[in-house]
């Protein structure tokens, strides 16, 4: 695991998780997982990332309270997902920024 994560609360927000980090996860938030059918539609090229974003917000985030998510994650949480270029982690980060005023930043 990269040194930068050693003393952070690692929060899984993805359907899958690589074996190399599985034992280091501190918290899993399945309520933020994108549904598999949505992931498959995007990966198969059936929908754009813009459409994926719209559906994810409508079907997942609109049903949640951002303050409650922040409460669960706590201070210093690092949301983990393993996508490449396009990722719902960016959508969640923006949603938390708008919904709570907390500045979520990317750690690469």
Protein backbone atom coordinates (compact mmCIF):
# COMPACT_ATOMS: atom_id res chain seq x y z
CA UNK A 1 0.00 0.00 0.00
CA UNK A 2 1.33 3.49 -0.81
CA UNK A 3 2.80 5.30 2.19
CA UNK A 4 0.34 8.19 1.81
CA UNK A 5 -2.53 5.89 2.88
CA UNK A 6 -0.83 4.22 5.85
CA UNK A 7 -2.48 6.36 8.54
CA UNK A 8 -5.76 7.13 6.80
CA UNK A 9 -9.21 5.63 7.14
CA UNK A 10 -9.67 3.69 3.88
CA UNK A 11 -13.29 3.72 2.71
CA UNK A 12 -14.44 1.35 0.00
CA UNK A 13 -17.13 2.79 -2.27
CA UNK A 14 -16.71 0.30 -5.14
CA UNK A 15 -18.40 -2.95 -6.10
CA UNK A 16 -15.07 -4.75 -6.32
CA UNK A 17 -11.82 -4.43 -4.42
CA UNK A 18 -8.35 -5.66 -5.42
CA UNK A 19 -6.83 -8.31 -3.19
CA UNK A 20 -3.73 -6.22 -2.50
CA UNK A 21 -5.74 -3.74 -0.42
CA UNK A 22 -8.72 -5.78 0.77
CA UNK A 23 -7.34 -6.35 4.28
CA UNK A 24 -6.55 -2.64 4.74
CA UNK A 25 -10.12 -1.39 4.20
CA UNK A 26 -11.53 0.25 7.34
CA UNK A 27 -15.07 0.96 6.18
CA UNK A 28 -17.31 -0.20 3.34
CA UNK A 29 -20.18 1.98 2.15
CA UNK A 30 -22.33 -0.15 -0.17
CA UNK A 31 -24.87 2.65 -0.40
CA UNK A 32 -22.36 4.47 -2.64
CA UNK A 33 -21.65 1.48 -4.91
CA UNK A 34 -22.76 2.09 -8.47
CA UNK A 35 -25.18 -0.66 -9.56
CA UNK A 36 -23.56 -3.37 -11.71
CA UNK A 37 -26.01 -2.84 -14.60
CA UNK A 38 -25.01 0.84 -14.75
CA UNK A 39 -21.30 -0.04 -14.70
CA UNK A 40 -21.81 -2.58 -17.49
CA UNK A 41 -23.79 -0.13 -19.67
CA UNK A 42 -20.99 2.41 -19.38
CA UNK A 43 -18.16 -0.07 -19.94
CA UNK A 44 -19.97 -1.53 -22.96
CA UNK A 45 -20.27 1.93 -24.50
CA UNK A 46 -24.07 1.99 -24.30
CA UNK A 47 -24.08 5.28 -22.35
CA UNK A 48 -21.71 8.24 -22.03
CA UNK A 49 -20.07 9.25 -18.77
CA UNK A 50 -22.47 12.20 -18.66
CA UNK A 51 -25.44 9.82 -18.81
CA UNK A 52 -23.75 7.52 -16.27
CA UNK A 53 -23.36 10.53 -13.96
CA UNK A 54 -27.00 11.57 -14.36
CA UNK A 55 -28.25 8.04 -13.63
CA UNK A 56 -25.86 7.52 -10.69
CA UNK A 57 -26.97 10.79 -9.10
CA UNK A 58 -30.65 10.00 -9.63
CA UNK A 59 -30.56 6.33 -8.66
CA UNK A 60 -27.99 6.46 -5.85
CA UNK A 61 -26.99 9.86 -4.49
CA UNK A 62 -30.43 11.50 -4.53
CA UNK A 63 -31.57 8.84 -2.06
CA UNK A 64 -28.77 9.63 0.43
CA UNK A 65 -27.94 12.39 2.89
CA UNK A 66 -24.42 13.76 2.30
CA UNK A 67 -24.10 14.81 5.96
CA UNK A 68 -24.80 11.22 7.01
CA UNK A 69 -22.09 9.92 4.66
CA UNK A 70 -19.58 12.41 6.09
CA UNK A 71 -20.59 11.32 9.59
CA UNK A 72 -19.91 7.68 8.69
CA UNK A 73 -16.57 8.40 7.01
CA UNK A 74 -15.29 10.80 9.64
CA UNK A 75 -12.23 13.01 9.45
CA UNK A 76 -9.38 11.89 7.22
CA UNK A 77 -11.32 9.28 5.25
CA UNK A 78 -10.03 8.30 1.83
CA UNK A 79 -12.69 7.05 -0.59
CA UNK A 80 -11.34 4.21 -2.69
CA UNK A 81 -12.35 3.00 -6.09
CA UNK A 82 -10.25 1.35 -8.77
CA UNK A 83 -11.54 2.82 -12.00
CA UNK A 84 -9.23 4.30 -14.54
CA UNK A 85 -10.15 7.59 -16.19
CA UNK A 86 -13.87 7.85 -15.39
CA UNK A 87 -15.03 7.09 -11.86
CA UNK A 88 -18.03 7.61 -9.63
CA UNK A 89 -15.58 8.69 -6.92
CA UNK A 90 -15.39 12.07 -8.70
CA UNK A 91 -19.19 12.29 -8.69
CA UNK A 92 -19.36 11.47 -4.96
CA UNK A 93 -16.66 14.02 -4.21
CA UNK A 94 -18.52 16.80 -6.04
CA UNK A 95 -21.80 15.75 -4.37
CA UNK A 96 -20.17 15.95 -0.93
CA UNK A 97 -18.59 19.34 -1.77
CA UNK A 98 -21.97 20.79 -2.77
CA UNK A 99 -24.03 19.02 -0.09
CA UNK A 100 -21.80 19.70 2.90
CA UNK A 101 -19.33 22.41 1.93
CA UNK A 102 -16.46 20.03 2.72
CA UNK A 103 -13.61 20.30 0.25
CA UNK A 104 -12.98 16.77 -1.01
CA UNK A 105 -9.68 16.50 -2.82
CA UNK A 106 -8.15 13.83 -5.03
CA UNK A 107 -5.15 11.94 -3.67
CA UNK A 108 -3.36 10.22 -6.52
